[in-house]
PDB file of N, CA and C in Angstrom:
ATOM      1  N   MET A   1      35.270  34.143 165.314  1.00  0.00           N
ATOM      2  CA  MET A   1      36.197  35.188 165.702  1.00  0.00           C
ATOM      3  C   MET A   1      36.072  35.434 167.197  1.00  0.00           C
ATOM      4  N   ASN A   2      37.198  35.857 167.776  1.00  0.00           N
ATOM      5  CA  ASN A   2      37.140  36.177 169.190  1.00  0.00           C
ATOM      6  C   ASN A   2      36.630  37.599 169.385  1.00  0.00           C
ATOM      7  N   LYS A   3      36.604  38.070 170.628  1.00  0.00           N
ATOM      8  CA  LYS A   3      36.047  39.390 170.934  1.00  0.00           C
ATOM      9  C   LYS A   3      36.830  40.533 170.295  1.00  0.00           C
ATOM     10  N   LEU A   4      38.103  40.290 169.981  1.00  0.00           N
ATOM     11  CA  LEU A   4      38.933  41.322 169.361  1.00  0.00           C
ATOM     12  C   LEU A   4      38.835  41.308 167.836  1.00  0.00           C
ATOM     13  N   GLY A   5      38.002  40.415 167.300  1.00  0.00           N
ATOM     14  CA  GLY A   5      37.823  40.342 165.862  1.00  0.00           C
ATOM     15  C   GLY A   5      38.892  39.533 165.151  1.00  0.00           C
ATOM     16  N   LYS A   6      39.711  38.806 165.913  1.00  0.00           N
ATOM     17  CA  LYS A   6      40.759  37.981 165.312  1.00  0.00           C
ATOM     18  C   LYS A   6      40.254  36.553 165.139  1.00  0.00           C
ATOM     19  N   LYS A   7      40.752  35.895 164.100  1.00  0.00           N
ATOM     20  CA  LYS A   7      40.363  34.516 163.862  1.00  0.00           C
ATOM     21  C   LYS A   7      41.019  33.609 164.890  1.00  0.00           C
ATOM     22  N   THR A   8      40.269  32.610 165.313  1.00  0.00           N
ATOM     23  CA  THR A   8      40.837  31.605 166.202  1.00  0.00           C
ATOM     24  C   THR A   8      41.643  30.624 165.353  1.00  0.00           C
ATOM     25  N   ALA A   9      42.457  29.793 165.989  1.00  0.00           N
ATOM     26  CA  ALA A   9      43.278  28.820 165.272  1.00  0.00           C
ATOM     27  C   ALA A   9      42.411  27.884 164.440  1.00  0.00           C
ATOM     28  N   ALA A  10      41.276  27.445 164.983  1.00  0.00           N
ATOM     29  CA  ALA A  10      40.392  26.531 164.252  1.00  0.00           C
ATOM     30  C   ALA A  10      39.822  27.201 163.007  1.00  0.00           C
ATOM     31  N   GLU A  11      39.417  28.451 163.134  1.00  0.00           N
ATOM     32  CA  GLU A  11      38.889  29.166 161.971  1.00  0.00           C
ATOM     33  C   GLU A  11      39.974  29.356 160.916  1.00  0.00           C
ATOM     34  N   SER A  12      41.181  29.646 161.335  1.00  0.00           N
ATOM     35  CA  SER A  12      42.270  29.830 160.390  1.00  0.00           C
ATOM     36  C   SER A  12      42.586  28.532 159.669  1.00  0.00           C
ATOM     37  N   ALA A  13      42.618  27.427 160.392  1.00  0.00           N
ATOM     38  CA  ALA A  13      42.890  26.128 159.766  1.00  0.00           C
ATOM     39  C   ALA A  13      41.770  25.776 158.789  1.00  0.00           C
ATOM     40  N   TYR A  14      40.531  26.046 159.169  1.00  0.00           N
ATOM     41  CA  TYR A  14      39.410  25.756 158.277  1.00  0.00           C
ATOM     42  C   TYR A  14      39.488  26.618 157.021  1.00  0.00           C
ATOM     43  N   ARG A  15      39.757  27.897 157.188  1.00  0.00           N
ATOM     44  CA  ARG A  15      39.856  28.810 156.043  1.00  0.00           C
ATOM     45  C   ARG A  15      40.976  28.366 155.107  1.00  0.00           C
ATOM     46  N   CYS A  16      42.085  27.959 155.677  1.00  0.00           N
ATOM     47  CA  CYS A  16      43.213  27.459 154.897  1.00  0.00           C
ATOM     48  C   CYS A  16      42.788  26.241 154.095  1.00  0.00           C
ATOM     49  N   LEU A  17      42.164  25.289 154.762  1.00  0.00           N
ATOM     50  CA  LEU A  17      41.735  24.062 154.100  1.00  0.00           C
ATOM     51  C   LEU A  17      40.749  24.373 152.977  1.00  0.00           C
ATOM     52  N   GLU A  18      39.789  25.226 153.261  1.00  0.00           N
ATOM     53  CA  GLU A  18      38.789  25.600 152.267  1.00  0.00           C
ATOM     54  C   GLU A  18      39.438  26.251 151.049  1.00  0.00           C
ATOM     55  N   ASP A  19      40.365  27.153 151.289  1.00  0.00           N
ATOM     56  CA  ASP A  19      41.025  27.883 150.217  1.00  0.00           C
ATOM     57  C   ASP A  19      41.956  26.977 149.412  1.00  0.00           C
ATOM     58  N   VAL A  20      42.685  26.114 150.081  1.00  0.00           N
ATOM     59  CA  VAL A  20      43.663  25.259 149.406  1.00  0.00           C
ATOM     60  C   VAL A  20      42.982  24.114 148.668  1.00  0.00           C
ATOM     61  N   ILE A  21      42.094  23.397 149.318  1.00  0.00           N
ATOM     62  CA  ILE A  21      41.429  22.258 148.688  1.00  0.00           C
ATOM     63  C   ILE A  21      40.556  22.720 147.524  1.00  0.00           C
ATOM     64  N   GLY A  22      40.034  23.923 147.601  1.00  0.00           N
ATOM     65  CA  GLY A  22      39.192  24.452 146.532  1.00  0.00           C
ATOM     66  C   GLY A  22      39.980  24.945 145.327  1.00  0.00           C
ATOM     67  N   CYS A  23      41.292  24.907 145.384  1.00  0.00           N
ATOM     68  CA  CYS A  23      42.133  25.417 144.299  1.00  0.00           C
ATOM     69  C   CYS A  23      42.955  24.273 143.713  1.00  0.00           C
ATOM     70  N   LYS A  24      42.670  23.920 142.463  1.00  0.00           N
ATOM     71  CA  LYS A  24      43.376  22.778 141.870  1.00  0.00           C
ATOM     72  C   LYS A  24      44.869  23.014 141.797  1.00  0.00           C
ATOM     73  N   TRP A  25      45.292  24.257 141.581  1.00  0.00           N
ATOM     74  CA  TRP A  25      46.728  24.516 141.474  1.00  0.00           C
ATOM     75  C   TRP A  25      47.413  24.370 142.821  1.00  0.00           C
ATOM     76  N   SER A  26      46.786  24.832 143.884  1.00  0.00           N
ATOM     77  CA  SER A  26      47.393  24.702 145.216  1.00  0.00           C
ATOM     78  C   SER A  26      47.562  23.235 145.588  1.00  0.00           C
ATOM     79  N   VAL A  27      46.555  22.441 145.333  1.00  0.00           N
ATOM     80  CA  VAL A  27      46.642  21.009 145.635  1.00  0.00           C
ATOM     81  C   VAL A  27      47.722  20.365 144.771  1.00  0.00           C
ATOM     82  N   SER A  28      47.792  20.723 143.504  1.00  0.00           N
ATOM     83  CA  SER A  28      48.816  20.165 142.622  1.00  0.00           C
ATOM     84  C   SER A  28      50.223  20.516 143.092  1.00  0.00           C
ATOM     85  N   VAL A  29      50.413  21.738 143.565  1.00  0.00           N
ATOM     86  CA  VAL A  29      51.720  22.163 144.074  1.00  0.00           C
ATOM     87  C   VAL A  29      52.063  21.382 145.342  1.00  0.00           C
ATOM     88  N   LEU A  30      51.097  21.209 146.233  1.00  0.00           N
ATOM     89  CA  LEU A  30      51.341  20.430 147.447  1.00  0.00           C
ATOM     90  C   LEU A  30      51.681  18.976 147.116  1.00  0.00           C
ATOM     91  N   ILE A  31      50.975  18.399 146.163  1.00  0.00           N
ATOM     92  CA  ILE A  31      51.255  17.023 145.759  1.00  0.00           C
ATOM     93  C   ILE A  31      52.669  16.927 145.187  1.00  0.00           C
ATOM     94  N   ALA A  32      53.045  17.891 144.357  1.00  0.00           N
ATOM     95  CA  ALA A  32      54.395  17.890 143.787  1.00  0.00           C
ATOM     96  C   ALA A  32      55.451  17.968 144.894  1.00  0.00           C
ATOM     97  N   ALA A  33      55.250  18.858 145.857  1.00  0.00           N
ATOM     98  CA  ALA A  33      56.207  18.983 146.968  1.00  0.00           C
ATOM     99  C   ALA A  33      56.259  17.687 147.772  1.00  0.00           C
ATOM    100  N   ASP A  34      55.111  17.068 147.955  1.00  0.00           N
ATOM    101  CA  ASP A  34      55.048  15.798 148.683  1.00  0.00           C
ATOM    102  C   ASP A  34      55.795  14.691 147.934  1.00  0.00           C
ATOM    103  N   GLU A  35      55.811  14.783 146.619  1.00  0.00           N
ATOM    104  CA  GLU A  35      56.508  13.800 145.787  1.00  0.00           C
ATOM    105  C   GLU A  35      57.994  14.116 145.628  1.00  0.00           C
ATOM    106  N   GLY A  36      58.452  15.210 146.261  1.00  0.00           N
ATOM    107  CA  GLY A  36      59.874  15.556 146.208  1.00  0.00           C
ATOM    108  C   GLY A  36      60.251  16.539 145.125  1.00  0.00           C
ATOM    109  N   VAL A  37      59.264  17.109 144.430  1.00  0.00           N
ATOM    110  CA  VAL A  37      59.534  18.142 143.425  1.00  0.00           C
ATOM    111  C   VAL A  37      59.532  19.468 144.189  1.00  0.00           C
ATOM    112  N   ASN A  38      60.723  19.985 144.464  1.00  0.00           N
ATOM    113  CA  ASN A  38      60.836  21.118 145.392  1.00  0.00           C
ATOM    114  C   ASN A  38      61.229  22.449 144.762  1.00  0.00           C
ATOM    115  N   ARG A  39      61.749  22.437 143.561  1.00  0.00           N
ATOM    116  CA  ARG A  39      62.199  23.682 142.941  1.00  0.00           C
ATOM    117  C   ARG A  39      61.129  24.202 141.993  1.00  0.00           C
ATOM    118  N   PRO A  40      60.930  25.531 141.960  1.00  0.00           N
ATOM    119  CA  PRO A  40      59.861  26.101 141.129  1.00  0.00           C
ATOM    120  C   PRO A  40      59.921  25.684 139.664  1.00  0.00           C
ATOM    121  N   GLY A  41      61.086  25.704 139.049  1.00  0.00           N
ATOM    122  CA  GLY A  41      61.193  25.307 137.646  1.00  0.00           C
ATOM    123  C   GLY A  41      60.766  23.866 137.429  1.00  0.00           C
ATOM    124  N   ALA A  42      61.145  23.000 138.346  1.00  0.00           N
ATOM    125  CA  ALA A  42      60.763  21.592 138.257  1.00  0.00           C
ATOM    126  C   ALA A  42      59.258  21.434 138.436  1.00  0.00           C
ATOM    127  N   MET A  43      58.659  22.262 139.303  1.00  0.00           N
ATOM    128  CA  MET A  43      57.207  22.196 139.509  1.00  0.00           C
ATOM    129  C   MET A  43      56.460  22.582 138.239  1.00  0.00           C
ATOM    130  N   VAL A  44      56.942  23.637 137.562  1.00  0.00           N
ATOM    131  CA  VAL A  44      56.286  24.071 136.321  1.00  0.00           C
ATOM    132  C   VAL A  44      56.346  22.951 135.284  1.00  0.00           C
ATOM    133  N   ARG A  45      57.475  22.259 135.201  1.00  0.00           N
ATOM    134  CA  ARG A  45      57.600  21.148 134.244  1.00  0.00           C
ATOM    135  C   ARG A  45      56.783  19.929 134.687  1.00  0.00           C
ATOM    136  N   HIS A  46      56.623  19.746 135.988  1.00  0.00           N
ATOM    137  CA  HIS A  46      55.942  18.575 136.541  1.00  0.00           C
ATOM    138  C   HIS A  46      54.412  18.673 136.465  1.00  0.00           C
ATOM    139  N   ILE A  47      53.898  19.898 136.541  1.00  0.00           N
ATOM    140  CA  ILE A  47      52.444  20.097 136.587  1.00  0.00           C
ATOM    141  C   ILE A  47      51.975  20.653 135.237  1.00  0.00           C
ATOM    142  N   PRO A  48      51.279  19.853 134.445  1.00  0.00           N
ATOM    143  CA  PRO A  48      50.837  20.303 133.122  1.00  0.00           C
ATOM    144  C   PRO A  48      49.960  21.558 133.192  1.00  0.00           C
ATOM    145  N   ALA A  49      50.225  22.504 132.291  1.00  0.00           N
ATOM    146  CA  ALA A  49      49.449  23.743 132.115  1.00  0.00           C
ATOM    147  C   ALA A  49      49.637  24.767 133.225  1.00  0.00           C
ATOM    148  N   LEU A  50      50.528  24.531 134.175  1.00  0.00           N
ATOM    149  CA  LEU A  50      50.781  25.498 135.248  1.00  0.00           C
ATOM    150  C   LEU A  50      51.777  26.535 134.762  1.00  0.00           C
ATOM    151  N   SER A  51      51.381  27.807 134.841  1.00  0.00           N
ATOM    152  CA  SER A  51      52.291  28.879 134.421  1.00  0.00           C
ATOM    153  C   SER A  51      53.164  29.309 135.603  1.00  0.00           C
ATOM    154  N   THR A  52      54.272  29.941 135.291  1.00  0.00           N
ATOM    155  CA  THR A  52      55.180  30.436 136.326  1.00  0.00           C
ATOM    156  C   THR A  52      54.475  31.466 137.208  1.00  0.00           C
ATOM    157  N   LYS A  53      53.670  32.329 136.595  1.00  0.00           N
ATOM    158  CA  LYS A  53      52.954  33.364 137.357  1.00  0.00           C
ATOM    159  C   LYS A  53      52.014  32.737 138.380  1.00  0.00           C
ATOM    160  N   VAL A  54      51.220  31.777 137.946  1.00  0.00           N
ATOM    161  CA  VAL A  54      50.273  31.123 138.853  1.00  0.00           C
ATOM    162  C   VAL A  54      51.035  30.346 139.927  1.00  0.00           C
ATOM    163  N   LEU A  55      52.107  29.662 139.536  1.00  0.00           N
ATOM    164  CA  LEU A  55      52.904  28.930 140.516  1.00  0.00           C
ATOM    165  C   LEU A  55      53.416  29.869 141.602  1.00  0.00           C
ATOM    166  N   ASN A  56      53.968  31.003 141.213  1.00  0.00           N
ATOM    167  CA  ASN A  56      54.496  31.946 142.208  1.00  0.00           C
ATOM    168  C   ASN A  56      53.409  32.441 143.153  1.00  0.00           C
ATOM    169  N   GLU A  57      52.214  32.691 142.630  1.00  0.00           N
ATOM    170  CA  GLU A  57      51.088  33.106 143.477  1.00  0.00           C
ATOM    171  C   GLU A  57      50.736  32.000 144.477  1.00  0.00           C
ATOM    172  N   ARG A  58      50.648  30.766 143.994  1.00  0.00           N
ATOM    173  CA  ARG A  58      50.300  29.641 144.872  1.00  0.00           C
ATOM    174  C   ARG A  58      51.388  29.401 145.910  1.00  0.00           C
ATOM    175  N   LEU A  59      52.651  29.472 145.514  1.00  0.00           N
ATOM    176  CA  LEU A  59      53.739  29.263 146.475  1.00  0.00           C
ATOM    177  C   LEU A  59      53.679  30.291 147.593  1.00  0.00           C
ATOM    178  N   ARG A  60      53.454  31.565 147.236  1.00  0.00           N
ATOM    179  CA  ARG A  60      53.339  32.614 148.271  1.00  0.00           C
ATOM    180  C   ARG A  60      52.185  32.312 149.226  1.00  0.00           C
ATOM    181  N   LYS A  61      51.037  31.900 148.660  1.00  0.00           N
ATOM    182  CA  LYS A  61      49.870  31.601 149.484  1.00  0.00           C
ATOM    183  C   LYS A  61      50.143  30.414 150.402  1.00  0.00           C
ATOM    184  N   LEU A  62      50.749  29.370 149.869  1.00  0.00           N
ATOM    185  CA  LEU A  62      51.006  28.168 150.667  1.00  0.00           C
ATOM    186  C   LEU A  62      52.049  28.414 151.750  1.00  0.00           C
ATOM    187  N   VAL A  63      53.008  29.279 151.490  1.00  0.00           N
ATOM    188  CA  VAL A  63      53.975  29.671 152.530  1.00  0.00           C
ATOM    189  C   VAL A  63      53.263  30.504 153.595  1.00  0.00           C
ATOM    190  N   ARG A  64      52.414  31.431 153.161  1.00  0.00           N
ATOM    191  CA  ARG A  64      51.675  32.291 154.107  1.00  0.00           C
ATOM    192  C   ARG A  64      50.780  31.455 155.019  1.00  0.00           C
ATOM    193  N   TYR A  65      50.155  30.408 154.493  1.00  0.00           N
ATOM    194  CA  TYR A  65      49.304  29.536 155.295  1.00  0.00           C
ATOM    195  C   TYR A  65      50.112  28.578 156.172  1.00  0.00           C
ATOM    196  N   GLY A  66      51.416  28.510 155.951  1.00  0.00           N
ATOM    197  CA  GLY A  66      52.247  27.631 156.764  1.00  0.00           C
ATOM    198  C   GLY A  66      52.269  26.192 156.289  1.00  0.00           C
ATOM    199  N   LEU A  67      51.884  25.966 155.029  1.00  0.00           N
ATOM    200  CA  LEU A  67      51.890  24.617 154.472  1.00  0.00           C
ATOM    201  C   LEU A  67      53.233  24.268 153.845  1.00  0.00           C
ATOM    202  N   LEU A  68      53.892  25.269 153.291  1.00  0.00           N
ATOM    203  CA  LEU A  68      55.213  25.096 152.695  1.00  0.00           C
ATOM    204  C   LEU A  68      56.208  26.007 153.396  1.00  0.00           C
ATOM    205  N   GLU A  69      57.440  25.567 153.390  1.00  0.00           N
ATOM    206  CA  GLU A  69      58.543  26.362 153.912  1.00  0.00           C
ATOM    207  C   GLU A  69      59.449  26.685 152.732  1.00  0.00           C
ATOM    208  N   LYS A  70      59.828  27.945 152.610  1.00  0.00           N
ATOM    209  CA  LYS A  70      60.707  28.377 151.533  1.00  0.00           C
ATOM    210  C   LYS A  70      62.141  28.360 152.047  1.00  0.00           C
ATOM    211  N   ARG A  71      63.021  27.705 151.289  1.00  0.00           N
ATOM    212  CA  ARG A  71      64.444  27.682 151.636  1.00  0.00           C
ATOM    213  C   ARG A  71      65.229  28.281 150.472  1.00  0.00           C
ATOM    214  N   SER A  72      65.969  29.337 150.762  1.00  0.00           N
ATOM    215  CA  SER A  72      66.804  29.981 149.747  1.00  0.00           C
ATOM    216  C   SER A  72      68.258  29.704 150.073  1.00  0.00           C
ATOM    217  N   TYR A  73      69.027  29.392 149.026  1.00  0.00           N
ATOM    218  CA  TYR A  73      70.437  29.071 149.198  1.00  0.00           C
ATOM    219  C   TYR A  73      71.271  30.151 148.522  1.00  0.00           C
ATOM    220  N   PRO A  74      72.270  30.697 149.222  1.00  0.00           N
ATOM    221  CA  PRO A  74      73.101  31.779 148.667  1.00  0.00           C
ATOM    222  C   PRO A  74      74.150  31.231 147.691  1.00  0.00           C
ATOM    223  N   GLU A  75      73.693  30.806 146.538  1.00  0.00           N
ATOM    224  CA  GLU A  75      74.564  30.248 145.516  1.00  0.00           C
ATOM    225  C   GLU A  75      74.422  31.064 144.245  1.00  0.00           C
ATOM    226  N   LEU A  76      75.298  30.850 143.322  1.00  0.00           N
ATOM    227  CA  LEU A  76      75.177  31.446 141.998  1.00  0.00           C
ATOM    228  C   LEU A  76      75.049  30.325 140.992  1.00  0.00           C
ATOM    229  N   PRO A  77      73.977  30.238 140.262  1.00  0.00           N
ATOM    230  CA  PRO A  77      72.764  31.052 140.396  1.00  0.00           C
ATOM    231  C   PRO A  77      72.009  30.699 141.681  1.00  0.00           C
ATOM    232  N   PRO A  78      71.205  31.648 142.180  1.00  0.00           N
ATOM    233  CA  PRO A  78      70.454  31.401 143.418  1.00  0.00           C
ATOM    234  C   PRO A  78      69.530  30.185 143.274  1.00  0.00           C
ATOM    235  N   ARG A  79      69.386  29.451 144.357  1.00  0.00           N
ATOM    236  CA  ARG A  79      68.525  28.268 144.358  1.00  0.00           C
ATOM    237  C   ARG A  79      67.488  28.416 145.459  1.00  0.00           C
ATOM    238  N   THR A  80      66.241  28.146 145.121  1.00  0.00           N
ATOM    239  CA  THR A  80      65.141  28.195 146.079  1.00  0.00           C
ATOM    240  C   THR A  80      64.397  26.872 146.020  1.00  0.00           C
ATOM    241  N   GLU A  81      64.075  26.356 147.188  1.00  0.00           N
ATOM    242  CA  GLU A  81      63.314  25.116 147.287  1.00  0.00           C
ATOM    243  C   GLU A  81      62.152  25.323 148.250  1.00  0.00           C
ATOM    244  N   TYR A  82      61.108  24.540 148.036  1.00  0.00           N
ATOM    245  CA  TYR A  82      59.933  24.571 148.902  1.00  0.00           C
ATOM    246  C   TYR A  82      59.712  23.171 149.453  1.00  0.00           C
ATOM    247  N   HIS A  83      59.467  23.101 150.765  1.00  0.00           N
ATOM    248  CA  HIS A  83      59.268  21.825 151.435  1.00  0.00           C
ATOM    249  C   HIS A  83      58.012  21.897 152.297  1.00  0.00           C
ATOM    250  N   LEU A  84      57.328  20.764 152.422  1.00  0.00           N
ATOM    251  CA  LEU A  84      56.146  20.705 153.281  1.00  0.00           C
ATOM    252  C   LEU A  84      56.546  20.933 154.738  1.00  0.00           C
ATOM    253  N   THR A  85      55.737  21.683 155.442  1.00  0.00           N
ATOM    254  CA  THR A  85      55.900  21.847 156.882  1.00  0.00           C
ATOM    255  C   THR A  85      55.152  20.696 157.564  1.00  0.00           C
ATOM    256  N   THR A  86      55.216  20.648 158.868  1.00  0.00           N
ATOM    257  CA  THR A  86      54.449  19.639 159.610  1.00  0.00           C
ATOM    258  C   THR A  86      52.959  19.798 159.312  1.00  0.00           C
ATOM    259  N   PHE A  87      52.483  21.045 159.322  1.00  0.00           N
ATOM    260  CA  PHE A  87      51.085  21.313 158.997  1.00  0.00           C
ATOM    261  C   PHE A  87      50.784  20.898 157.555  1.00  0.00           C
ATOM    262  N   GLY A  88      51.715  21.144 156.646  1.00  0.00           N
ATOM    263  CA  GLY A  88      51.539  20.748 155.257  1.00  0.00           C
ATOM    264  C   GLY A  88      51.406  19.243 155.104  1.00  0.00           C
ATOM    265  N   ARG A  89      52.195  18.491 155.870  1.00  0.00           N
ATOM    266  CA  ARG A  89      52.092  17.029 155.821  1.00  0.00           C
ATOM    267  C   ARG A  89      50.741  16.567 156.372  1.00  0.00           C
ATOM    268  N   GLU A  90      50.225  17.261 157.388  1.00  0.00           N
ATOM    269  CA  GLU A  90      48.898  16.926 157.922  1.00  0.00           C
ATOM    270  C   GLU A  90      47.816  17.177 156.880  1.00  0.00           C
ATOM    271  N   VAL A  91      47.918  18.291 156.183  1.00  0.00           N
ATOM    272  CA  VAL A  91      46.943  18.594 155.127  1.00  0.00           C
ATOM    273  C   VAL A  91      47.072  17.583 153.993  1.00  0.00           C
ATOM    274  N   MET A  92      48.286  17.177 153.670  1.00  0.00           N
ATOM    275  CA  MET A  92      48.479  16.181 152.616  1.00  0.00           C
ATOM    276  C   MET A  92      47.854  14.840 152.996  1.00  0.00           C
ATOM    277  N   ALA A  93      47.833  14.527 154.284  1.00  0.00           N
ATOM    278  CA  ALA A  93      47.156  13.299 154.722  1.00  0.00           C
ATOM    279  C   ALA A  93      45.659  13.402 154.414  1.00  0.00           C
ATOM    280  N   LEU A  94      45.082  14.590 154.600  1.00  0.00           N
ATOM    281  CA  LEU A  94      43.666  14.801 154.255  1.00  0.00           C
ATOM    282  C   LEU A  94      43.457  14.689 152.745  1.00  0.00           C
ATOM    283  N   VAL A  95      44.359  15.283 151.980  1.00  0.00           N
ATOM    284  CA  VAL A  95      44.264  15.222 150.519  1.00  0.00           C
ATOM    285  C   VAL A  95      44.360  13.770 150.058  1.00  0.00           C
ATOM    286  N   ALA A  96      45.282  13.016 150.648  1.00  0.00           N
ATOM    287  CA  ALA A  96      45.426  11.595 150.289  1.00  0.00           C
ATOM    288  C   ALA A  96      44.144  10.836 150.588  1.00  0.00           C
ATOM    289  N   ARG A  97      43.522  11.143 151.703  1.00  0.00           N
ATOM    290  CA  ARG A  97      42.266  10.473 152.073  1.00  0.00           C
ATOM    291  C   ARG A  97      41.150  10.824 151.090  1.00  0.00           C
ATOM    292  N   ILE A  98      41.077  12.086 150.692  1.00  0.00           N
ATOM    293  CA  ILE A  98      40.067  12.518 149.716  1.00  0.00           C
ATOM    294  C   ILE A  98      40.304  11.827 148.378  1.00  0.00           C
ATOM    295  N   ARG A  99      41.565  11.727 147.956  1.00  0.00           N
ATOM    296  CA  ARG A  99      41.886  11.043 146.707  1.00  0.00           C
ATOM    297  C   ARG A  99      41.498   9.563 146.782  1.00  0.00           C
ATOM    298  N   GLU A 100      41.714   8.947 147.937  1.00  0.00           N
ATOM    299  CA  GLU A 100      41.343   7.545 148.128  1.00  0.00           C
ATOM    300  C   GLU A 100      39.815   7.384 148.065  1.00  0.00           C
ATOM    301  N   LEU A 101      39.085   8.300 148.696  1.00  0.00           N
ATOM    302  CA  LEU A 101      37.623   8.262 148.617  1.00  0.00           C
ATOM    303  C   LEU A 101      37.160   8.371 147.168  1.00  0.00           C
ATOM    304  N   ASP A 102      37.798   9.219 146.403  1.00  0.00           N
ATOM    305  CA  ASP A 102      37.452   9.407 144.998  1.00  0.00           C
ATOM    306  C   ASP A 102      37.704   8.119 144.209  1.00  0.00           C
ATOM    307  N   ARG A 103      38.853   7.478 144.442  1.00  0.00           N
ATOM    308  CA  ARG A 103      39.161   6.216 143.754  1.00  0.00           C
ATOM    309  C   ARG A 103      38.150   5.137 144.126  1.00  0.00           C
ATOM    310  N   THR A 104      37.787   5.068 145.399  1.00  0.00           N
ATOM    311  CA  THR A 104      36.821   4.082 145.879  1.00  0.00           C
ATOM    312  C   THR A 104      35.453   4.312 145.239  1.00  0.00           C
ATOM    313  N   ARG A 105      35.044   5.559 145.177  1.00  0.00           N
ATOM    314  CA  ARG A 105      33.741   5.915 144.607  1.00  0.00           C
ATOM    315  C   ARG A 105      33.689   5.598 143.122  1.00  0.00           C
ATOM    316  N   ILE A 106      34.776   5.862 142.428  1.00  0.00           N
ATOM    317  CA  ILE A 106      34.804   5.617 140.982  1.00  0.00           C
ATOM    318  C   ILE A 106      34.775   4.134 140.679  1.00  0.00           C
ATOM    319  N   SER A 107      35.482   3.339 141.477  1.00  0.00           N
ATOM    320  CA  SER A 107      35.543   1.905 141.211  1.00  0.00           C
ATOM    321  C   SER A 107      34.302   1.150 141.693  1.00  0.00           C
ATOM    322  N   ALA A 108      33.447   1.822 142.455  1.00  0.00           N
ATOM    323  CA  ALA A 108      32.237   1.148 142.982  1.00  0.00           C
ATOM    324  C   ALA A 108      31.136   1.085 141.962  1.00  0.00           C
TER     325      ALA A 108
END
């Protein structure tokens, strides 16, 4: 923290990574968005055992951290989509690397 008690950018990025990577649902939502599953209803169907309540909590958190961008369309019925931000794509590169390490370790 700086002298004013505010988190620095590095601390915020680390806290985000720690919080997101440590949560299986957050990672699953990011993976779904990375795979092009952008609508909440589709995410619930795409991710086994994920409830709508938990999904909504994770989406809010991921938007707050700047990993996802929420896009709302003024249609009837209303349509909302979530897309990875630039920061979200960077985090997904880390997730992909961790998944690759896991595959390598298992096959060794």
